Structure formats: C-alpha cells, structure tokens
Amino acid sequence: MNGLLKTMRAVAVTQYGGKLTIINAPIPKPGPNDVLVHVRASGLCSTDIHLLAGRQPLGILPRILGHETAGDIVELGSNVGDWQLNDRVTVGIDKTCGVCRFCMSGNTQLCMHKKRLGFEIDGGHCEYIGVPATNLVHISDNISYEQAAILPDAVACTYHSIIGQGKLALGQIIVILGVGGLGIHGVQIAVRAGAKVIATSRRPERLKIAEKYGAIPVNTKTQSLEAVVKELTGGEGVDVIMDNIGNNESIAQGIKILRPGGKFLVVAYLDDTFQIPSIPLFSQELEFIGCRGSTRKDLVDVVHGVEEGIIEPVIGAYFDLEEIDKAVDCLENSQMIGRIVLTRKY
C-alpha cells in the first residue's frame, strides 16, 4: 500500500443514540501475527443499529462498526507466512485467545477472552482493517467481494445456528420465523440439509423468494401458522424453530408449534427479556438454545458452499460507504430482500 497514506474513511459510533458518522481514522498497523486488509465491501446489519442505540457496550468511542468484511491483503505481519499480498479474503468476526478450553475444543464462538470486530474492537466499515491472520478465509475469484462480505454473519452465523446448534437432520421440519438477511440464507441451508422448511413473513415479496429457494411460505398477516403446521405434521409439531424476530410474540408463537423434545433456536433479541412459560418447557422437554456467532470452520464451510453453488448470498441493496445515512434508512424502512452491502469507490 502507499506508505504516505495515513488516514482513511470509516463509519463509526461517536455517541450512543445519535447517527452513524463518517470519520477520518488512522490506518492500523498490523501486529506480528496480523494482516492489513484493504476492505472492498462490508455488510450492514441490524445489529449495527442496536450498537448505535447503546444496547451493547463498545468501549471508548468512537468505535468503527462493521462485522461483515471482505477485501485484499495489502500488508503482512512479520510472523505471517501462510498468506500472500493481494490474496482475496473474507474475515471472521471473533478475535479469540486460541488457548482457552473453548478455543482448544473448536468452540471459538464461546471464547471467554474474545473481542469482536465492530464491537469491542474496530470493524470493517472502513477502508483498511488490521486483523489476526487466523481470522481469514480465502475466497476465489468466483465469489464477489460483496457476496463474500456478508458470509461471516448473515450466512455463517445462520449455518452455525441451524447445523451446529439445531443439529437439523434429513427429513426433519424446521420453521424459520422471519426471512430477512438471516432467514433467507437459513432457508437455503435447511433445504440443502434435507429438511422440510416453513418460512414466515408478513411481506409477500420475501415469501416469494423464500419459496424460490424451496420453502413453504406462510404469510402470518393473513394465515395461521399454527394451522399450517398442524396440517403438515398431523398435530405433532415441528422439530426445529429458528427465531429471527426475537420478541415475546415470536417466542409464544413458536412454543405452540414445537413438537415435544423440539429445539427452539434463539437467534435474535429484539426484546431484552423473554417470557417462557414453565409448564410446556419441562413437560414437553423443549430445548431453548442460544445461538451466537460462528467458528472458523463454519465460515470455511459456507465459503465452500458458495463456491460450489449450494448457497447463494442474497444482497438487497448496495451503497457507497459515504452513503451510510441512505443505507441506514433503507435498512430500517425498506421492503428489500437480503443484506445491505457498503461498497468502496477506488
């Protein structure tokens, strides 16, 4: 990279409850085990809006957001020998310790010392990001930067939830509550796992694309999800629920359609506190399972899935980094399908 270049554009939280702000930030210097990535695209997530509102602490502000990142390696740390300049990469979210019991067992998403890109440490809504080399996954020329950017969260986290936590199996039935940026990829992953998929939304355009990927669409504004599940399962209920809504209404709805011994995957957290009735929980041995993040293996798996045509990253809109206000407005108010990607003009 140009050694004279000292600063870069970045999207940051400068105060909670305000607006995302374009700032000038210093270009990071990679440590011995790190690389510097020239960011080509980053995914905008609803979590970024939660962070702006102060729902999770970000440490000292300003904090550069962005936990979905793809680009090229432009500088290598002195100890990095497995990567080369100009390698195309997507970037895992969690910076982990590598030595705790969770890291050593492969459950890196549970590392007690983790720091997350775009949360506790600066993320990828910028022009250059310094990250541990162990966070990188190579992407081929067949995957665009925009597609690769949304893989660490919208796809890998969904894969971790459904396959890793939900243990979804051939012949099972899953209900995916909400088919936005996460859910539309969940449909593809579940169908490929050999499951029957029911996808819900109140937006017909989202249900149409969910049906395209193999789901049974249910418009919960005009249809009874409980009646559809009862007819489909003979009253037994479904094996797995993936809740991408995350409020007490979705919890209550899900409990009514879950079979005894079924798994409820808690993916979203719109409400700060969930109310779960105790009697169905123990009498039917229901499992409520928290789902967060993904492992490096999850990210490798979904990259391979995209390269092999098994998973199609769904992008709903593109904005330049400088158009962050328009991107946030689109995220909060539009009827679009899929993820929003912030691109870079170079």
Protein backbone atom coordinates (compact mmCIF):
# COMPACT_ATOMS: atom_id res chain seq x y z
CA MET A 1 0.00 0.00 0.00
CA ASN A 2 1.02 3.63 -0.33
CA GLY A 3 3.26 4.37 2.65
CA LEU A 4 2.28 8.06 2.51
CA LEU A 5 -1.36 7.28 3.22
CA LYS A 6 -2.00 7.83 6.93
CA THR A 7 -5.76 8.09 7.40
CA MET A 8 -8.89 6.52 6.00
CA ARG A 9 -12.64 6.99 5.91
CA ALA A 10 -14.66 4.98 8.41
CA VAL A 11 -18.24 4.69 9.69
CA ALA A 12 -18.32 4.98 13.47
CA VAL A 13 -20.48 5.39 16.54
CA THR A 14 -19.40 8.70 18.04
CA GLN A 15 -22.23 8.87 20.58
CA TYR A 16 -25.00 6.49 21.56
CA GLY A 17 -28.41 7.38 20.23
CA GLY A 18 -27.03 9.64 17.51
CA LYS A 19 -26.31 8.85 13.87
CA LEU A 20 -23.59 6.77 12.31
CA THR A 21 -20.84 9.19 11.35
CA ILE A 22 -18.14 9.27 8.68
CA ILE A 23 -14.83 9.99 10.41
CA ASN A 24 -11.17 10.11 9.46
CA ALA A 25 -9.32 7.39 11.34
CA PRO A 26 -5.68 6.30 11.34
CA ILE A 27 -4.86 3.29 9.17
CA PRO A 28 -3.98 0.47 11.58
CA LYS A 29 -0.52 -1.04 11.67
CA PRO A 30 -0.73 -4.84 11.71
CA GLY A 31 0.97 -6.67 14.58
CA PRO A 32 3.36 -9.61 14.05
CA ASN A 33 0.51 -12.13 13.68
CA ASP A 34 -1.86 -9.80 11.85
CA VAL A 35 -2.52 -8.68 8.30
CA LEU A 36 -3.80 -5.43 6.89
CA VAL A 37 -6.82 -5.89 4.63
CA HIS A 38 -7.88 -3.36 2.03
CA VAL A 39 -11.65 -3.51 2.53
CA ARG A 40 -13.63 -3.81 -0.68
CA ALA A 41 -17.10 -4.39 0.80
CA SER A 42 -18.78 -4.68 4.19
CA GLY A 43 -22.25 -5.80 5.22
CA LEU A 44 -24.63 -3.50 7.12
CA CYS A 45 -26.57 -5.39 9.78
CA SER A 46 -29.46 -4.55 12.11
CA THR A 47 -27.02 -5.23 14.93
CA ASP A 48 -25.14 -2.08 13.86
CA ILE A 49 -28.31 -0.12 14.68
CA HIS A 50 -28.59 -1.86 18.06
CA LEU A 51 -24.98 -0.89 18.78
CA LEU A 52 -25.66 2.71 17.82
CA ALA A 53 -28.52 2.71 20.33
CA GLY A 54 -26.17 1.51 23.07
CA ARG A 55 -27.65 -1.96 23.56
CA GLN A 56 -24.15 -3.40 23.88
CA PRO A 57 -21.10 -1.54 25.21
CA LEU A 58 -18.48 -0.57 22.64
CA GLY A 59 -15.79 0.69 24.98
CA ILE A 60 -14.20 4.04 24.24
CA LEU A 61 -15.90 5.92 21.42
CA PRO A 62 -15.62 6.48 18.53
CA ARG A 63 -15.91 2.83 17.52
CA ILE A 64 -15.74 1.78 13.87
CA LEU A 65 -18.59 -0.65 13.21
CA GLY A 66 -18.85 -3.50 10.71
CA HIS A 67 -18.60 -7.22 11.39
CA GLU A 68 -19.01 -8.46 7.80
CA THR A 69 -15.87 -7.75 5.78
CA ALA A 70 -14.12 -8.76 2.57
CA GLY A 71 -11.10 -7.43 0.71
CA ASP A 72 -7.44 -7.93 -0.27
CA ILE A 73 -4.35 -8.40 1.88
CA VAL A 74 -2.01 -5.43 1.45
CA GLU A 75 0.42 -5.90 4.35
CA LEU A 76 1.66 -8.93 6.30
CA GLY A 77 2.81 -9.08 9.92
CA SER A 78 6.34 -10.31 10.49
CA ASN A 79 5.18 -13.76 11.71
CA VAL A 80 2.62 -14.38 8.97
CA GLY A 81 3.79 -16.97 6.48
CA ASP A 82 0.62 -18.64 5.21
CA TRP A 83 -0.74 -15.67 3.26
CA GLN A 84 0.42 -13.54 0.38
CA LEU A 85 -0.15 -9.96 -0.69
CA ASN A 86 -3.29 -9.49 -2.82
CA ASP A 87 -4.95 -12.67 -1.52
CA ARG A 88 -8.73 -12.23 -1.60
CA VAL A 89 -10.28 -12.89 1.81
CA THR A 90 -13.35 -12.74 3.98
CA VAL A 91 -12.85 -12.06 7.67
CA GLY A 92 -14.16 -13.95 10.70
CA ILE A 93 -15.74 -11.77 13.37
CA ASP A 94 -14.20 -13.04 16.62
CA LYS A 95 -10.63 -12.29 17.69
CA THR A 96 -10.05 -15.20 20.07
CA CYS A 97 -7.33 -16.19 22.53
CA GLY A 98 -6.63 -19.60 20.97
CA VAL A 99 -5.71 -21.25 24.28
CA CYS A 100 -8.84 -21.42 26.46
CA ARG A 101 -10.88 -24.62 26.77
CA PHE A 102 -13.41 -23.35 24.22
CA CYS A 103 -10.83 -22.39 21.61
CA MET A 104 -8.96 -25.65 22.10
CA SER A 105 -12.17 -27.65 21.56
CA GLY A 106 -13.12 -25.73 18.41
CA ASN A 107 -15.93 -23.76 20.07
CA THR A 108 -14.24 -20.46 19.38
CA GLN A 109 -17.57 -18.62 19.42
CA LEU A 110 -17.59 -19.18 23.20
CA CYS A 111 -14.05 -17.93 23.87
CA MET A 112 -14.21 -16.05 27.16
CA HIS A 113 -11.50 -13.64 26.02
CA LYS A 114 -12.88 -12.91 22.56
CA LYS A 115 -13.11 -9.43 21.12
CA ARG A 116 -15.40 -8.90 18.18
CA LEU A 117 -14.75 -6.83 15.08
CA GLY A 118 -17.16 -3.92 15.07
CA PHE A 119 -17.98 -4.39 18.76
CA GLU A 120 -15.13 -4.33 21.29
CA ILE A 121 -12.56 -3.56 18.57
CA ASP A 122 -12.82 -1.57 15.35
CA GLY A 123 -14.59 -3.28 12.48
CA GLY A 124 -14.78 -3.25 8.71
CA HIS A 125 -16.92 -0.21 7.79
CA CYS A 126 -13.70 1.48 6.72
CA GLU A 127 -11.02 1.32 4.05
CA TYR A 128 -8.37 -0.73 5.86
CA ILE A 129 -8.65 -3.14 8.77
CA GLY A 130 -5.97 -4.94 10.74
CA VAL A 131 -6.99 -8.47 11.77
CA PRO A 132 -5.37 -11.68 13.02
CA ALA A 133 -4.28 -13.88 10.13
CA THR A 134 -6.19 -16.74 11.77
CA ASN A 135 -9.45 -14.86 11.09
CA LEU A 136 -9.02 -15.01 7.33
CA VAL A 137 -10.67 -17.39 4.89
CA HIS A 138 -9.60 -17.35 1.25
CA ILE A 139 -12.21 -16.57 -1.40
CA SER A 140 -11.86 -17.50 -5.04
CA ASP A 141 -12.44 -15.19 -7.99
CA ASN A 142 -15.86 -16.84 -8.39
CA ILE A 143 -17.12 -15.01 -5.30
CA SER A 144 -17.53 -11.24 -5.49
CA TYR A 145 -16.32 -9.06 -2.63
CA GLU A 146 -19.92 -8.06 -1.98
CA GLN A 147 -21.02 -11.69 -1.66
CA ALA A 148 -18.00 -12.56 0.47
CA ALA A 149 -18.61 -9.64 2.82
CA ILE A 150 -21.92 -10.97 4.14
CA LEU A 151 -20.70 -14.54 4.70
CA PRO A 152 -19.27 -14.14 8.25
CA ASP A 153 -22.62 -13.16 9.76
CA ALA A 154 -25.67 -13.49 7.51
CA VAL A 155 -24.57 -16.91 6.28
CA ALA A 156 -22.01 -18.43 8.68
CA CYS A 157 -23.95 -17.48 11.82
CA THR A 158 -27.11 -18.92 10.29
CA TYR A 159 -25.23 -22.09 9.38
CA HIS A 160 -23.87 -22.33 12.92
CA SER A 161 -27.38 -21.93 14.34
CA ILE A 162 -29.16 -24.45 12.13
CA ILE A 163 -26.48 -27.09 11.66
CA GLY A 164 -24.26 -26.57 14.70
CA GLN A 165 -26.78 -25.73 17.40
CA GLY A 166 -30.00 -27.09 15.92
CA LYS A 167 -28.46 -30.32 14.59
CA LEU A 168 -31.04 -30.21 11.80
CA ALA A 169 -31.26 -33.64 10.17
CA LEU A 170 -32.55 -35.22 6.98
CA GLY A 171 -36.33 -35.45 6.98
CA GLN A 172 -36.92 -33.04 9.84
CA ILE A 173 -39.18 -29.99 9.67
CA ILE A 174 -37.96 -26.51 10.55
CA VAL A 175 -39.88 -23.25 10.83
CA ILE A 176 -37.85 -20.13 10.09
CA LEU A 177 -39.57 -17.17 11.70
CA GLY A 178 -38.66 -14.16 9.59
CA VAL A 179 -36.89 -14.33 6.23
CA GLY A 180 -34.74 -11.22 6.19
CA GLY A 181 -30.97 -11.19 5.80
CA LEU A 182 -30.50 -14.22 8.05
CA GLY A 183 -33.64 -16.17 7.30
CA ILE A 184 -33.31 -16.22 3.53
CA HIS A 185 -29.94 -17.93 3.88
CA GLY A 186 -31.38 -20.22 6.56
CA VAL A 187 -33.92 -21.47 4.03
CA GLN A 188 -31.14 -22.46 1.63
CA ILE A 189 -29.06 -24.15 4.33
CA ALA A 190 -32.01 -26.10 5.75
CA VAL A 191 -33.22 -27.25 2.33
CA ARG A 192 -29.72 -28.47 1.48
CA ALA A 193 -29.65 -30.36 4.79
CA GLY A 194 -32.65 -32.36 3.55
CA ALA A 195 -35.23 -30.74 5.82
CA LYS A 196 -38.70 -29.53 5.01
CA VAL A 197 -38.77 -25.76 5.55
CA ILE A 198 -41.61 -23.46 6.51
CA ALA A 199 -40.72 -19.75 6.20
CA THR A 200 -42.78 -16.93 7.67
CA SER A 201 -43.09 -13.24 6.95
CA ARG A 202 -45.72 -10.55 6.63
CA ARG A 203 -44.14 -9.35 3.41
CA PRO A 204 -45.22 -11.20 0.24
CA GLU A 205 -42.04 -10.29 -1.66
CA ARG A 206 -39.90 -12.02 0.98
CA LEU A 207 -42.11 -15.10 0.96
CA LYS A 208 -41.83 -15.27 -2.82
CA ILE A 209 -38.05 -15.56 -2.74
CA ALA A 210 -38.20 -17.99 0.20
CA GLU A 211 -40.46 -20.19 -1.92
CA LYS A 212 -37.97 -19.90 -4.79
CA TYR A 213 -35.32 -21.44 -2.53
CA GLY A 214 -37.60 -24.32 -1.57
CA ALA A 215 -39.58 -23.17 1.47
CA ILE A 216 -43.28 -23.45 2.18
CA PRO A 217 -44.30 -19.78 2.57
CA VAL A 218 -46.66 -18.64 5.32
CA ASN A 219 -47.88 -15.05 5.49
CA THR A 220 -48.52 -14.62 9.21
CA LYS A 221 -50.53 -11.48 8.48
CA THR A 222 -53.20 -13.46 6.63
CA GLN A 223 -52.55 -17.11 7.55
CA SER A 224 -52.49 -19.14 10.75
CA LEU A 225 -49.03 -20.63 11.19
CA GLU A 226 -50.40 -22.98 13.83
CA ALA A 227 -52.99 -24.34 11.38
CA VAL A 228 -50.41 -24.85 8.64
CA VAL A 229 -48.08 -26.74 10.99
CA LYS A 230 -50.93 -28.84 12.39
CA GLU A 231 -51.97 -29.94 8.91
CA LEU A 232 -48.42 -30.61 7.78
CA THR A 233 -47.37 -32.60 10.87
CA GLY A 234 -50.65 -34.22 11.88
CA GLY A 235 -50.62 -32.15 15.06
CA GLU A 236 -47.18 -33.35 16.22
CA GLY A 237 -45.36 -30.05 15.69
CA VAL A 238 -42.05 -29.18 14.07
CA ASP A 239 -38.57 -30.36 15.02
CA VAL A 240 -36.75 -27.04 15.00
CA ILE A 241 -37.63 -23.35 15.09
CA MET A 242 -35.19 -20.63 14.08
CA ASP A 243 -36.40 -17.33 15.52
CA ASN A 244 -35.06 -14.33 13.60
CA ILE A 245 -37.60 -11.97 15.17
CA GLY A 246 -36.66 -12.18 18.83
CA ASN A 247 -39.65 -10.84 20.74
CA ASN A 248 -42.14 -12.34 23.14
CA GLU A 249 -44.75 -12.68 20.41
CA SER A 250 -42.42 -14.89 18.34
CA ILE A 251 -41.50 -16.93 21.43
CA ALA A 252 -45.17 -17.57 22.24
CA GLN A 253 -45.95 -18.41 18.62
CA GLY A 254 -43.05 -20.82 18.39
CA ILE A 255 -43.92 -22.74 21.54
CA LYS A 256 -47.37 -23.54 20.14
CA ILE A 257 -45.94 -25.30 17.09
CA LEU A 258 -42.88 -27.04 18.52
CA ARG A 259 -43.10 -30.81 18.98
CA PRO A 260 -42.19 -32.46 22.30
CA GLY A 261 -38.40 -32.52 22.52
CA GLY A 262 -38.11 -29.89 19.81
CA LYS A 263 -35.42 -27.25 19.58
CA PHE A 264 -36.07 -23.51 19.67
CA LEU A 265 -33.08 -21.59 18.28
CA VAL A 266 -32.87 -18.11 19.78
CA VAL A 267 -31.06 -16.05 17.15
CA ALA A 268 -32.50 -12.53 17.56
CA TYR A 269 -33.02 -10.31 20.60
CA LEU A 270 -35.47 -7.56 19.75
CA ASP A 271 -36.88 -7.76 23.30
CA ASP A 272 -34.38 -7.55 26.15
CA THR A 273 -36.25 -10.15 28.21
CA PHE A 274 -38.13 -13.25 27.02
CA GLN A 275 -41.14 -14.70 28.83
CA ILE A 276 -41.13 -18.50 28.54
CA PRO A 277 -43.98 -20.49 30.14
CA SER A 278 -42.54 -23.07 32.51
CA ILE A 279 -45.01 -25.95 32.13
CA PRO A 280 -44.55 -26.57 28.37
CA LEU A 281 -40.82 -26.12 28.84
CA PHE A 282 -40.38 -29.02 31.25
CA SER A 283 -43.42 -31.18 30.49
CA GLN A 284 -42.53 -31.40 26.80
CA GLU A 285 -38.75 -31.27 27.33
CA LEU A 286 -38.38 -28.34 24.97
CA GLU A 287 -34.88 -27.04 24.30
CA PHE A 288 -34.26 -23.30 24.08
CA ILE A 289 -30.82 -22.83 22.57
CA GLY A 290 -28.90 -19.59 22.35
CA CYS A 291 -27.08 -19.04 19.06
CA ARG A 292 -24.26 -16.57 18.54
CA GLY A 293 -21.51 -16.14 16.04
CA SER A 294 -19.76 -18.92 14.21
CA THR A 295 -16.49 -20.81 14.19
CA ARG A 296 -13.78 -20.56 11.57
CA LYS A 297 -14.87 -23.99 10.33
CA ASP A 298 -18.41 -22.67 9.86
CA LEU A 299 -17.06 -19.83 7.75
CA VAL A 300 -14.90 -22.21 5.70
CA ASP A 301 -17.93 -24.45 5.14
CA VAL A 302 -20.15 -21.65 3.87
CA VAL A 303 -17.41 -20.27 1.60
CA HIS A 304 -17.16 -23.74 0.06
CA GLY A 305 -20.95 -23.84 -0.17
CA VAL A 306 -21.00 -20.61 -2.16
CA GLU A 307 -18.14 -21.73 -4.41
CA GLU A 308 -19.99 -24.97 -5.17
CA GLY A 309 -23.30 -23.22 -5.88
CA ILE A 310 -25.03 -24.70 -2.84
CA ILE A 311 -25.61 -21.32 -1.18
CA GLU A 312 -26.43 -18.08 -2.98
CA PRO A 313 -25.66 -14.93 -0.96
CA VAL A 314 -28.68 -12.64 -1.24
CA ILE A 315 -27.93 -8.92 -1.41
CA GLY A 316 -30.79 -6.47 -1.34
CA ALA A 317 -29.06 -3.12 -1.88
CA TYR A 318 -25.67 -1.51 -2.45
CA PHE A 319 -24.47 1.82 -1.09
CA ASP A 320 -21.11 3.55 -1.08
CA LEU A 321 -19.51 3.96 2.34
CA GLU A 322 -20.24 7.69 2.18
CA GLU A 323 -23.94 6.95 1.72
CA ILE A 324 -24.32 5.49 5.20
CA ASP A 325 -27.38 7.64 6.01
CA LYS A 326 -29.22 6.28 2.96
CA ALA A 327 -28.12 2.74 3.81
CA VAL A 328 -29.45 3.00 7.37
CA ASP A 329 -32.73 4.44 6.11
CA CYS A 330 -33.02 1.55 3.66
CA LEU A 331 -32.30 -0.96 6.42
CA GLU A 332 -34.92 0.49 8.74
CA ASN A 333 -37.69 1.38 6.30
CA SER A 334 -37.48 -0.53 3.02
CA GLN A 335 -39.16 -3.72 1.85
CA MET A 336 -35.94 -5.07 0.35
CA ILE A 337 -34.88 -8.71 0.47
CA GLY A 338 -31.43 -9.73 1.63
CA ARG A 339 -28.44 -7.92 3.09
CA ILE A 340 -27.25 -4.34 2.54
CA VAL A 341 -23.64 -4.01 1.39
CA LEU A 342 -21.44 -0.94 1.70
CA THR A 343 -19.08 -0.76 -1.27
CA ARG A 344 -15.91 1.26 -1.80
CA LYS A 345 -15.06 3.57 -4.70
CA TYR A 346 -11.36 3.25 -5.50
